[in-house]
Amino acid sequence: MFLCAKWQYFHHMGLDVEDNFFSVQRPIKEKYGRRYLGVCSPGSSRPAMLIRVYTAFLTAAQELFNHFGEPADPYMTMVGYFNSLRELGGMKRLAEDDVQTRSYRVRMSMVERPALAQRSISNIRELTSRVSSQDIPKYLDNLEVKFKSEFDTTTGKYVTKWQEGDTRAIDIVLATNMLSVGVDVNRLGLMAVNGQPKGTAEYIQATSRVGRSFPGLVCTVLTWARPRDLSHYETFEHYHATFYKHVEAQSVTPFSPRAMDRGLTGALLSLVRLENDEFSPNDGAGKLNMSNQAEISNAIKALANRAGNVAEDNSRKKLAENELKERADEWAKKASMGGRILAYEKRGPEKDKTVSLLDSPGLKPWDNWTVPMSMREVEPGVRLIMNTNHIADDHDWKPRPATKDED
C-alpha cells in the first residue's frame, strides 16, 4: 500500500459499465435489491415523523401478512437505524408507547385505512453497546425467527399463534452502527433510517442489511430543521443513483507512535516466524538466545528501514528501531528463564507448564506484549459500577482562591 515503486491498476476498465470485474450489475428481475424512500415533513418534529412512519410500515406489513402469509414475513420485522444512542433511547420509549397504541388502534378511528391492519406490537429489542455481550447473540438468533402463518378459515386471514415456550419473532429492532458490521440476517426486508448518517460508507453498509434474499425497502426519515438532511432530501434521487462514488476516502498514518504501540509486536513476531522455521511453531518463542540474534536483528532492521522510508523521516525510523529493540530485550529475558516452556500462546497438551509470551487485549493493562487478535479490536470494553451509598449532598472540594486580577 505504501512505498510501492511500481504499481498497476487491476482490473482495467472494460467496455461494459455494468461489469467492472469486481462487481456486476444484475437486472432487478434476476437479483432482488432495495428501494430507497425519502421522507421529509416540514413543520413536523422528528419524533412525530418517526411514530407515523413506524406505525404505517408495521400495520401495512400486517395487512400483507393477513392476505399472503409467509411471503410477507420479511416485512414483519422493522429495523430502525440511528446515529446516536440518545436518539435511539428516545425512539425506544416512543415504540413502546405511541407506536404500540397507534398500531393497535389503527382501524378504530372514523378514517378509512384499507391498506393498514390492526397489529399488536410486543417484542421490541435493541442492538447497541448498552446490551450485554451475552444477549447480543441471542437477539441475532431471534431475528432469524419467522412469524408463523396459519390460515384461519373463520376470518379468511393468515394469523400467528404462538405456543407457550416458543421463541417469538421480533417486531421492532433498534440499532446503531453495530448493525452495519457483521450482522447477516437474510430475512430482513424493512428498515427506517433516522437522519442521514455521517458517512456514505456507513449508510451503504447499514442499509445493505435488508433486501438480501427478498426485495428490501429502506425509508430515510430526514429532518427539515437540519440543513444536511434537507440537502440530502433535495438531491435524494441523484445521490442514491450514484452514492457509490460518494464513498469517502479513509486516511491513515503509517508507523505513527500510537499505531506502533498497537501493532509493532505483532509485525515483529510475524516477520520472525515467517522467515525462520525454528521460530514458527508455538513453542518457538523459547528459541531466542540473545536479543541481538541474527534472526531478530534482521527483522528489526527491515521494519525500521520500512518505517523510515514510508514516513520519509529518520526520527520515525529511530523510534521504531528503539521500540523493536526494547521488545527484543524483553523477549530474550523471558526466554532465558528456566523451568518452564515459553510459547506464543498458552495451549496444547503441556499448557500447564507453558507461559504465554503474548496477551490478549482486555485481560490486563496494555503493554508491549499485548497483541490484538482481531482487526476489529480497537479498545477493550470498560465496565463501571457506581456505588451511590457514599454520595452526600455536601461536597468536599473547596473553591480556588481568586487572584488579584480576577478580583
Foldseek 3Di string as FASTA:
>chain_A
DFPDPDDDDPPDADDDPQCRPVHHDDDCVVAAEEDEAEDEDPPDDLLVVVLVVLLVQQQLLVLVCFQPNPVSFQSQEEEEEEADPVVLVVVVVCCVPVNQVCLQCVPVDPDDDPSGHRDHADAEEEDEPVDDPVCNVVVLVLQQDTFHWDQDPVVRTTDGDDDPPDSDHHRYYYYYLVQLPDRAHASHAHYEYEADHPFLVSVVSNQVNHGRRHHHYYYYYAYPVDPVSVVCVVCVVVCVVPVVVRGDDDDDDPLDPVVCLAPVLVQLLVQLLVVDVCCVDQLSLLVDAALVPPSSVVSLVVVLVVQCVRNVHNVSSVVSSVLSSVLSHVSNVVSPDDQAGEGCDQDDPVSVRYDHQADDPPPDDRDSRHYHPDPPDDHDDDDDDDDPPPDDPDDDDDDDDDDPVRD
